[in-house]
Amino acid sequence: MPKARMTMAVTIFSAVAAGALLPGCSASVEVKKPTPPKLSAEKLSSTLSEKLAAATGRPKPHITCPEDLVGKVGTTMRCTLVADDGSTLGVSVNVTSVSGDKINYDFKADDKASPAGH
């Protein structure tokens, strides 16, 4: 039995000694937050124009959006539709969901247009 205790003591001592020889370790990892996807203002304007034309059966209206649409749920934006007679209509865009690089949004044109020159 004394030999078993001695072997156990040597094993424990070896483990402790090995642990004492290991330097303290630390690590850090930089995890970059993924940036939300964006839909360019030009692409958004074009898509809105196509969808409104399809919904109304009329030619594609000229729509401009002030900036890229950020793919973050709840983001809203106002774009402007300019009719052939020069009157303008606001178009509200609201991001409803984001899946990877795909941005899903709802849009609604205002009920009343502003006359040309306003």
Protein backbone atom coordinates (compact mmCIF):
# COMPACT_ATOMS: atom_id res chain seq x y z
CA MET A 1 0.00 0.00 0.00
CA PRO A 2 2.78 2.51 0.70
CA LYS A 3 3.91 2.19 -2.91
CA ALA A 4 0.40 3.03 -4.23
CA ARG A 5 0.30 6.13 -2.02
CA MET A 6 3.74 7.14 -3.23
CA THR A 7 2.71 6.74 -6.89
CA MET A 8 -0.47 8.76 -6.22
CA ALA A 9 1.57 11.47 -4.47
CA VAL A 10 4.06 11.64 -7.35
CA THR A 11 1.20 11.85 -9.85
CA ILE A 12 -0.49 14.68 -7.91
CA PHE A 13 2.84 16.46 -7.43
CA SER A 14 3.61 16.13 -11.16
CA ALA A 15 0.22 17.58 -12.10
CA VAL A 16 0.66 20.49 -9.70
CA ALA A 17 4.21 21.10 -10.90
CA ALA A 18 3.14 21.01 -14.54
CA GLY A 19 0.34 23.45 -13.75
CA ALA A 20 2.81 25.75 -12.02
CA LEU A 21 5.10 25.73 -15.07
CA LEU A 22 2.32 26.75 -17.46
CA PRO A 23 2.19 30.49 -17.85
CA GLY A 24 -1.09 32.27 -17.24
CA CYS A 25 -3.10 32.37 -20.42
CA SER A 26 -5.52 34.90 -21.71
CA ALA A 27 -7.14 35.39 -25.05
CA SER A 28 -9.35 37.88 -26.76
CA VAL A 29 -11.32 37.61 -29.91
CA GLU A 30 -12.68 40.57 -31.76
CA VAL A 31 -16.21 39.79 -32.86
CA LYS A 32 -17.42 42.32 -35.33
CA LYS A 33 -21.09 43.01 -35.26
CA PRO A 34 -22.45 42.25 -38.67
CA THR A 35 -23.57 45.40 -40.39
CA PRO A 36 -27.16 45.38 -41.49
CA PRO A 37 -27.71 44.92 -45.21
CA LYS A 38 -28.62 47.96 -47.29
CA LEU A 39 -30.76 48.43 -50.36
CA SER A 40 -29.46 51.26 -52.53
CA ALA A 41 -31.69 54.28 -52.97
CA GLU A 42 -31.66 53.68 -56.74
CA LYS A 43 -32.73 50.03 -56.45
CA LEU A 44 -35.43 50.91 -53.89
CA SER A 45 -36.77 53.68 -56.16
CA SER A 46 -36.82 51.34 -59.15
CA THR A 47 -38.53 48.52 -57.24
CA LEU A 48 -41.19 50.84 -55.81
CA SER A 49 -41.84 52.23 -59.28
CA GLU A 50 -42.28 48.73 -60.73
CA LYS A 51 -44.56 47.56 -57.91
CA LEU A 52 -46.76 50.67 -58.03
CA ALA A 53 -47.08 50.36 -61.82
CA ALA A 54 -48.07 46.71 -61.48
CA ALA A 55 -50.60 47.51 -58.74
CA THR A 56 -52.24 50.38 -60.63
CA GLY A 57 -51.91 49.16 -64.23
CA ARG A 58 -50.34 52.50 -65.15
CA PRO A 59 -46.88 53.34 -66.50
CA LYS A 60 -44.00 53.32 -64.03
CA PRO A 61 -43.93 56.56 -62.06
CA HIS A 62 -40.72 58.45 -61.33
CA ILE A 63 -39.79 57.80 -57.68
CA THR A 64 -36.77 59.03 -55.76
CA CYS A 65 -35.62 57.93 -52.33
CA PRO A 66 -33.28 60.13 -50.28
CA GLU A 67 -30.84 57.43 -49.16
CA ASP A 68 -30.13 53.71 -48.98
CA LEU A 69 -32.63 51.68 -46.99
CA VAL A 70 -30.97 50.07 -43.95
CA GLY A 71 -32.12 46.50 -43.33
CA LYS A 72 -33.13 46.89 -39.71
CA VAL A 73 -36.67 46.03 -38.64
CA GLY A 74 -38.63 49.20 -37.94
CA THR A 75 -36.55 51.45 -40.21
CA THR A 76 -38.78 53.87 -42.09
CA MET A 77 -38.18 56.16 -45.03
CA ARG A 78 -40.12 58.60 -47.16
CA CYS A 79 -39.67 58.52 -50.90
CA THR A 80 -41.22 60.91 -53.42
CA LEU A 81 -43.27 60.02 -56.49
CA VAL A 82 -43.42 62.72 -59.18
CA ALA A 83 -46.38 62.40 -61.54
CA ASP A 84 -46.35 63.44 -65.21
CA ASP A 85 -48.23 66.66 -64.32
CA GLY A 86 -45.53 67.61 -61.78
CA SER A 87 -47.60 66.82 -58.70
CA THR A 88 -45.86 64.83 -55.97
CA LEU A 89 -46.94 62.03 -53.74
CA GLY A 90 -45.11 60.71 -50.69
CA VAL A 91 -44.39 57.00 -50.42
CA SER A 92 -43.73 55.55 -46.95
CA VAL A 93 -41.44 52.52 -46.69
CA ASN A 94 -41.18 50.38 -43.54
CA VAL A 95 -38.75 47.48 -43.04
CA THR A 96 -40.77 44.52 -41.73
CA SER A 97 -38.12 41.77 -41.59
CA VAL A 98 -34.56 40.94 -42.57
CA SER A 99 -33.24 37.51 -43.51
CA GLY A 100 -29.54 37.49 -44.28
CA ASP A 101 -29.11 40.08 -47.02
CA LYS A 102 -32.82 40.10 -47.94
CA ILE A 103 -34.79 43.12 -46.74
CA ASN A 104 -38.58 42.79 -46.64
CA TYR A 105 -40.60 45.97 -46.49
CA ASP A 106 -44.09 47.37 -46.83
CA PHE A 107 -44.82 50.59 -48.68
CA LYS A 108 -47.81 52.87 -49.02
CA ALA A 109 -48.38 55.91 -51.19
CA ASP A 110 -50.07 58.89 -49.58
CA ASP A 111 -53.77 59.34 -50.28
CA LYS A 112 -53.39 62.91 -51.56
CA ALA A 113 -50.87 64.42 -53.94
CA SER A 114 -49.31 67.83 -53.55
CA PRO A 115 -49.93 70.04 -56.58
CA ALA A 116 -47.03 70.81 -58.93
CA GLY A 117 -44.69 73.51 -57.67
CA HIS A 118 -45.30 72.84 -53.92
